[in-house]
Amino acid sequence: MPSNLSGDSLDGGVEVKDVLALIPILDSMPITDPNRIAMFGWSRGSMMSLIAVTKTNRIKTLVLGATPVDLVLSAINRPSLEHDVFKRLIPGYEFDKLALLEERSAIYWPEKIPKDISILMLHGTNDERTSIVPVFKFADTMKSLGVNIELKEFPSGSHTLIESKVSVYRKVLSWFNEHL
């Protein structure tokens, strides 16, 4: 079990706080509907979005692309992540690698994600950076917990899904129209 989901040690802790600081700004703007807040994140941004929704009940829906839900598996599949990303971005990584990776991996704490949120996950089956395998397990777990989640696979799709950008845009707009 993760050691500190709410602490500043989280990868991107300051970034998550910065994003959540936008909510009071939205509340003060007459052109926004503060009851219809969505988050859209890709890759690391989708991991941050999952962390963010554990800290507020204000997010109504998430759209997540190429989501690294299991950084432990990512470290095994892509050893270069340890030096290029994890050591650089995760404070204290060299002292407690496993716990810190689990702390940032939603697959280890699905019960912390609000049950009343809707989630759209977009993932290419040929994603060279983030395996879709744990995403299947994560989506199944979320469904079993009663979360409204849809996993949209893009056959032969890459990490960015650039080759399917029109389909991605249409799916995202449709999702927001339906869930906001």
C-alpha atoms as a PDB file:
ATOM      1  CA  MET A   1       0.000   0.000   0.000  1.00  0.00           C
ATOM      2  CA  PRO A   2       1.290   3.471  -0.796  1.00  0.00           C
ATOM      3  CA  SER A   3       2.824   5.348   2.068  1.00  0.00           C
ATOM      4  CA  ASN A   4       1.701   8.915   1.522  1.00  0.00           C
ATOM      5  CA  LEU A   5      -0.808   9.766  -1.172  1.00  0.00           C
ATOM      6  CA  SER A   6      -1.486  13.190   0.241  1.00  0.00           C
ATOM      7  CA  GLY A   7       2.079  14.285   0.904  1.00  0.00           C
ATOM      8  CA  ASP A   8       4.314  16.655  -1.004  1.00  0.00           C
ATOM      9  CA  SER A   9       6.663  13.793  -1.816  1.00  0.00           C
ATOM     10  CA  LEU A  10       4.371  12.719  -4.626  1.00  0.00           C
ATOM     11  CA  ASP A  11       5.865  13.106  -8.055  1.00  0.00           C
ATOM     12  CA  GLY A  12       4.312  16.320  -9.237  1.00  0.00           C
ATOM     13  CA  GLY A  13       2.903  17.180  -5.818  1.00  0.00           C
ATOM     14  CA  VAL A  14       3.386  20.868  -6.481  1.00  0.00           C
ATOM     15  CA  GLU A  15       1.933  20.453  -9.965  1.00  0.00           C
ATOM     16  CA  VAL A  16      -1.145  18.720  -8.573  1.00  0.00           C
ATOM     17  CA  LYS A  17      -1.584  21.506  -6.022  1.00  0.00           C
ATOM     18  CA  ASP A  18      -1.243  24.090  -8.792  1.00  0.00           C
ATOM     19  CA  VAL A  19      -3.958  22.421 -10.854  1.00  0.00           C
ATOM     20  CA  LEU A  20      -6.271  22.102  -7.854  1.00  0.00           C
ATOM     21  CA  ALA A  21      -5.679  25.794  -7.064  1.00  0.00           C
ATOM     22  CA  LEU A  22      -7.556  26.548 -10.286  1.00  0.00           C
ATOM     23  CA  ILE A  23     -10.840  25.313  -8.796  1.00  0.00           C
ATOM     24  CA  PRO A  24     -11.452  28.417  -6.620  1.00  0.00           C
ATOM     25  CA  ILE A  25     -10.623  30.540  -9.660  1.00  0.00           C
ATOM     26  CA  LEU A  26     -13.259  28.671 -11.676  1.00  0.00           C
ATOM     27  CA  ASP A  27     -15.710  29.223  -8.822  1.00  0.00           C
ATOM     28  CA  SER A  28     -15.211  32.982  -9.088  1.00  0.00           C
ATOM     29  CA  MET A  29     -15.646  33.223 -12.856  1.00  0.00           C
ATOM     30  CA  PRO A  30     -19.172  33.985 -14.083  1.00  0.00           C
ATOM     31  CA  ILE A  31     -18.538  32.293 -17.453  1.00  0.00           C
ATOM     32  CA  THR A  32     -17.818  28.879 -15.912  1.00  0.00           C
ATOM     33  CA  ASP A  33     -20.007  26.249 -14.336  1.00  0.00           C
ATOM     34  CA  PRO A  34     -18.082  25.112 -11.256  1.00  0.00           C
ATOM     35  CA  ASN A  35     -20.264  21.996 -11.064  1.00  0.00           C
ATOM     36  CA  ARG A  36     -18.979  20.784 -14.438  1.00  0.00           C
ATOM     37  CA  ILE A  37     -15.219  20.415 -14.052  1.00  0.00           C
ATOM     38  CA  ALA A  38     -13.278  17.929 -16.158  1.00  0.00           C
ATOM     39  CA  MET A  39      -9.621  16.986 -16.285  1.00  0.00           C
ATOM     40  CA  PHE A  40      -7.763  15.791 -19.349  1.00  0.00           C
ATOM     41  CA  GLY A  41      -4.284  14.335 -18.941  1.00  0.00           C
ATOM     42  CA  TRP A  42      -1.905  12.432 -21.154  1.00  0.00           C
ATOM     43  CA  SER A  43       0.843  10.061 -20.051  1.00  0.00           C
ATOM     44  CA  ARG A  44       2.390  11.596 -16.908  1.00  0.00           C
ATOM     45  CA  GLY A  45      -0.440  14.147 -16.942  1.00  0.00           C
ATOM     46  CA  SER A  46      -2.998  11.355 -16.723  1.00  0.00           C
ATOM     47  CA  MET A  47      -1.149   9.876 -13.747  1.00  0.00           C
ATOM     48  CA  MET A  48      -1.291  13.336 -12.131  1.00  0.00           C
ATOM     49  CA  SER A  49      -4.995  13.594 -12.904  1.00  0.00           C
ATOM     50  CA  LEU A  50      -5.652  10.330 -11.077  1.00  0.00           C
ATOM     51  CA  ILE A  51      -3.707  11.627  -8.087  1.00  0.00           C
ATOM     52  CA  ALA A  52      -5.610  14.936  -8.228  1.00  0.00           C
ATOM     53  CA  VAL A  53      -9.041  13.307  -8.012  1.00  0.00           C
ATOM     54  CA  THR A  54      -8.015  11.640  -4.754  1.00  0.00           C
ATOM     55  CA  LYS A  55      -7.664  15.134  -3.275  1.00  0.00           C
ATOM     56  CA  THR A  56     -10.945  16.757  -4.340  1.00  0.00           C
ATOM     57  CA  ASN A  57     -14.543  15.812  -5.038  1.00  0.00           C
ATOM     58  CA  ARG A  58     -14.954  18.642  -7.547  1.00  0.00           C
ATOM     59  CA  ILE A  59     -13.848  16.781 -10.682  1.00  0.00           C
ATOM     60  CA  LYS A  60     -16.828  15.294 -12.483  1.00  0.00           C
ATOM     61  CA  THR A  61     -15.052  13.430 -15.275  1.00  0.00           C
ATOM     62  CA  LEU A  62     -11.575  12.466 -16.421  1.00  0.00           C
ATOM     63  CA  VAL A  63     -10.173  11.808 -19.865  1.00  0.00           C
ATOM     64  CA  LEU A  64      -6.857   9.992 -19.650  1.00  0.00           C
ATOM     65  CA  GLY A  65      -4.504   9.065 -22.465  1.00  0.00           C
ATOM     66  CA  ALA A  66      -1.647   6.552 -22.391  1.00  0.00           C
ATOM     67  CA  THR A  67      -1.910   6.291 -18.623  1.00  0.00           C
ATOM     68  CA  PRO A  68       0.959   4.756 -16.662  1.00  0.00           C
ATOM     69  CA  VAL A  69      -1.174   3.137 -13.958  1.00  0.00           C
ATOM     70  CA  ASP A  70       1.675   0.862 -12.818  1.00  0.00           C
ATOM     71  CA  LEU A  71       5.072   2.534 -12.608  1.00  0.00           C
ATOM     72  CA  VAL A  72       6.591  -0.604 -11.066  1.00  0.00           C
ATOM     73  CA  LEU A  73       5.841  -2.474 -14.295  1.00  0.00           C
ATOM     74  CA  SER A  74       6.931   0.554 -16.335  1.00  0.00           C
ATOM     75  CA  ALA A  75      10.322   0.482 -14.600  1.00  0.00           C
ATOM     76  CA  ILE A  76      10.709  -3.189 -15.492  1.00  0.00           C
ATOM     77  CA  ASN A  77       9.589  -2.730 -19.104  1.00  0.00           C
ATOM     78  CA  ARG A  78      11.614   0.460 -19.676  1.00  0.00           C
ATOM     79  CA  PRO A  79      14.739   0.484 -17.483  1.00  0.00           C
ATOM     80  CA  SER A  80      15.790   3.867 -18.928  1.00  0.00           C
ATOM     81  CA  LEU A  81      12.907   5.437 -16.975  1.00  0.00           C
ATOM     82  CA  GLU A  82      14.818   4.974 -13.749  1.00  0.00           C
ATOM     83  CA  HIS A  83      17.664   7.275 -14.759  1.00  0.00           C
ATOM     84  CA  ASP A  84      15.866   9.558 -17.228  1.00  0.00           C
ATOM     85  CA  VAL A  85      12.676  10.172 -15.262  1.00  0.00           C
ATOM     86  CA  PHE A  86      12.255   8.587 -11.835  1.00  0.00           C
ATOM     87  CA  LYS A  87      15.560   9.641 -10.248  1.00  0.00           C
ATOM     88  CA  ARG A  88      15.095  13.141 -11.622  1.00  0.00           C
ATOM     89  CA  LEU A  89      11.425  13.682 -10.737  1.00  0.00           C
ATOM     90  CA  ILE A  90      10.724  11.614  -7.630  1.00  0.00           C
ATOM     91  CA  PRO A  91      12.219  13.041  -4.435  1.00  0.00           C
ATOM     92  CA  GLY A  92      13.974  10.336  -2.394  1.00  0.00           C
ATOM     93  CA  TYR A  93      13.702   7.778  -5.191  1.00  0.00           C
ATOM     94  CA  GLU A  94      17.081   6.195  -4.483  1.00  0.00           C
ATOM     95  CA  PHE A  95      16.045   5.452  -0.874  1.00  0.00           C
ATOM     96  CA  ASP A  96      12.659   3.705  -1.370  1.00  0.00           C
ATOM     97  CA  LYS A  97      12.065   3.001  -5.052  1.00  0.00           C
ATOM     98  CA  LEU A  98       9.280   0.442  -4.769  1.00  0.00           C
ATOM     99  CA  ALA A  99       7.146   2.365  -2.267  1.00  0.00           C
ATOM    100  CA  LEU A 100       7.520   5.610  -4.212  1.00  0.00           C
ATOM    101  CA  LEU A 101       6.566   3.975  -7.517  1.00  0.00           C
ATOM    102  CA  GLU A 102       3.532   2.294  -5.926  1.00  0.00           C
ATOM    103  CA  GLU A 103       2.533   5.614  -4.361  1.00  0.00           C
ATOM    104  CA  ARG A 104       2.225   7.121  -7.847  1.00  0.00           C
ATOM    105  CA  SER A 105       0.581   4.065  -9.439  1.00  0.00           C
ATOM    106  CA  ALA A 106      -3.219   4.112  -9.388  1.00  0.00           C
ATOM    107  CA  ILE A 107      -3.359   0.343  -9.793  1.00  0.00           C
ATOM    108  CA  TYR A 108      -2.222   0.099  -6.143  1.00  0.00           C
ATOM    109  CA  TRP A 109      -4.921   2.421  -4.732  1.00  0.00           C
ATOM    110  CA  PRO A 110      -8.082   2.182  -6.858  1.00  0.00           C
ATOM    111  CA  GLU A 111     -10.301   2.548  -3.769  1.00  0.00           C
ATOM    112  CA  LYS A 112      -9.076   6.148  -3.369  1.00  0.00           C
ATOM    113  CA  ILE A 113     -10.649   7.221  -6.670  1.00  0.00           C
ATOM    114  CA  PRO A 114     -14.146   8.680  -6.176  1.00  0.00           C
ATOM    115  CA  LYS A 115     -16.944   6.313  -7.183  1.00  0.00           C
ATOM    116  CA  ASP A 116     -19.083   9.090  -8.668  1.00  0.00           C
ATOM    117  CA  ILE A 117     -16.548  10.132 -11.288  1.00  0.00           C
ATOM    118  CA  SER A 118     -16.643   9.032 -14.912  1.00  0.00           C
ATOM    119  CA  ILE A 119     -13.395   8.103 -16.628  1.00  0.00           C
ATOM    120  CA  LEU A 120     -12.508   7.696 -20.288  1.00  0.00           C
ATOM    121  CA  MET A 121      -9.162   6.028 -20.930  1.00  0.00           C
ATOM    122  CA  LEU A 122      -7.587   6.182 -24.396  1.00  0.00           C
ATOM    123  CA  HIS A 123      -4.724   3.854 -25.213  1.00  0.00           C
ATOM    124  CA  GLY A 124      -2.949   2.539 -28.285  1.00  0.00           C
ATOM    125  CA  THR A 125      -2.323  -1.184 -28.484  1.00  0.00           C
ATOM    126  CA  ASN A 126       1.148  -0.460 -29.905  1.00  0.00           C
ATOM    127  CA  ASP A 127       2.142   2.092 -27.265  1.00  0.00           C
ATOM    128  CA  GLU A 128       5.923   1.840 -27.063  1.00  0.00           C
ATOM    129  CA  ARG A 129       6.163   3.817 -23.803  1.00  0.00           C
ATOM    130  CA  THR A 130       3.247   2.712 -21.628  1.00  0.00           C
ATOM    131  CA  SER A 131       1.940  -0.849 -21.675  1.00  0.00           C
ATOM    132  CA  ILE A 132      -1.790  -1.271 -22.102  1.00  0.00           C
ATOM    133  CA  VAL A 133      -1.744  -4.537 -20.085  1.00  0.00           C
ATOM    134  CA  PRO A 134      -2.071  -2.933 -16.607  1.00  0.00           C
ATOM    135  CA  VAL A 135      -4.644  -0.500 -18.006  1.00  0.00           C
ATOM    136  CA  PHE A 136      -6.958  -3.455 -18.723  1.00  0.00           C
ATOM    137  CA  LYS A 137      -6.598  -4.623 -15.119  1.00  0.00           C
ATOM    138  CA  PHE A 138      -7.090  -1.103 -13.768  1.00  0.00           C
ATOM    139  CA  ALA A 139     -10.246  -0.544 -15.841  1.00  0.00           C
ATOM    140  CA  ASP A 140     -11.666  -3.894 -14.720  1.00  0.00           C
ATOM    141  CA  THR A 141     -10.911  -3.072 -11.084  1.00  0.00           C
ATOM    142  CA  MET A 142     -12.562   0.332 -11.373  1.00  0.00           C
ATOM    143  CA  LYS A 143     -15.653  -1.249 -12.952  1.00  0.00           C
ATOM    144  CA  SER A 144     -15.838  -3.755 -10.099  1.00  0.00           C
ATOM    145  CA  LEU A 145     -15.736  -0.823  -7.664  1.00  0.00           C
ATOM    146  CA  GLY A 146     -18.694   0.783  -9.415  1.00  0.00           C
ATOM    147  CA  VAL A 147     -16.846   3.541 -11.272  1.00  0.00           C
ATOM    148  CA  ASN A 148     -18.212   4.539 -14.690  1.00  0.00           C
ATOM    149  CA  ILE A 149     -15.123   3.860 -16.803  1.00  0.00           C
ATOM    150  CA  GLU A 150     -14.586   3.216 -20.486  1.00  0.00           C
ATOM    151  CA  LEU A 151     -11.352   2.045 -22.048  1.00  0.00           C
ATOM    152  CA  LYS A 152     -11.111   2.946 -25.723  1.00  0.00           C
ATOM    153  CA  GLU A 153      -8.390   0.950 -27.448  1.00  0.00           C
ATOM    154  CA  PHE A 154      -6.827   2.133 -30.678  1.00  0.00           C
ATOM    155  CA  PRO A 155      -5.498  -0.876 -32.638  1.00  0.00           C
ATOM    156  CA  SER A 156      -1.842  -0.341 -33.556  1.00  0.00           C
ATOM    157  CA  GLY A 157      -2.010   3.078 -31.886  1.00  0.00           C
ATOM    158  CA  SER A 158       1.151   4.720 -30.581  1.00  0.00           C
ATOM    159  CA  HIS A 159       1.765   6.499 -27.266  1.00  0.00           C
ATOM    160  CA  THR A 160       0.538   9.829 -28.633  1.00  0.00           C
ATOM    161  CA  LEU A 161      -2.227   8.371 -30.825  1.00  0.00           C
ATOM    162  CA  ILE A 162      -1.277  10.998 -33.403  1.00  0.00           C
ATOM    163  CA  GLU A 163      -2.267   8.580 -36.151  1.00  0.00           C
ATOM    164  CA  SER A 164      -5.820   8.549 -34.734  1.00  0.00           C
ATOM    165  CA  LYS A 165      -6.086  12.211 -33.758  1.00  0.00           C
ATOM    166  CA  VAL A 166      -9.438  12.829 -35.455  1.00  0.00           C
ATOM    167  CA  SER A 167     -10.992   9.777 -33.780  1.00  0.00           C
ATOM    168  CA  VAL A 168      -9.454  10.798 -30.441  1.00  0.00           C
ATOM    169  CA  TYR A 169     -10.811  14.363 -30.700  1.00  0.00           C
ATOM    170  CA  ARG A 170     -14.270  13.108 -31.609  1.00  0.00           C
ATOM    171  CA  LYS A 171     -14.296  10.613 -28.748  1.00  0.00           C
ATOM    172  CA  VAL A 172     -13.137  13.223 -26.221  1.00  0.00           C
ATOM    173  CA  LEU A 173     -15.724  15.788 -27.337  1.00  0.00           C
ATOM    174  CA  SER A 174     -18.448  13.165 -27.269  1.00  0.00           C
ATOM    175  CA  TRP A 175     -17.373  12.093 -23.768  1.00  0.00           C
ATOM    176  CA  PHE A 176     -17.425  15.647 -22.444  1.00  0.00           C
ATOM    177  CA  ASN A 177     -20.828  16.309 -24.030  1.00  0.00           C
ATOM    178  CA  GLU A 178     -22.229  13.194 -22.370  1.00  0.00           C
ATOM    179  CA  HIS A 179     -20.553  13.437 -18.949  1.00  0.00           C
ATOM    180  CA  LEU A 180     -20.463  17.142 -18.146  1.00  0.00           C
END
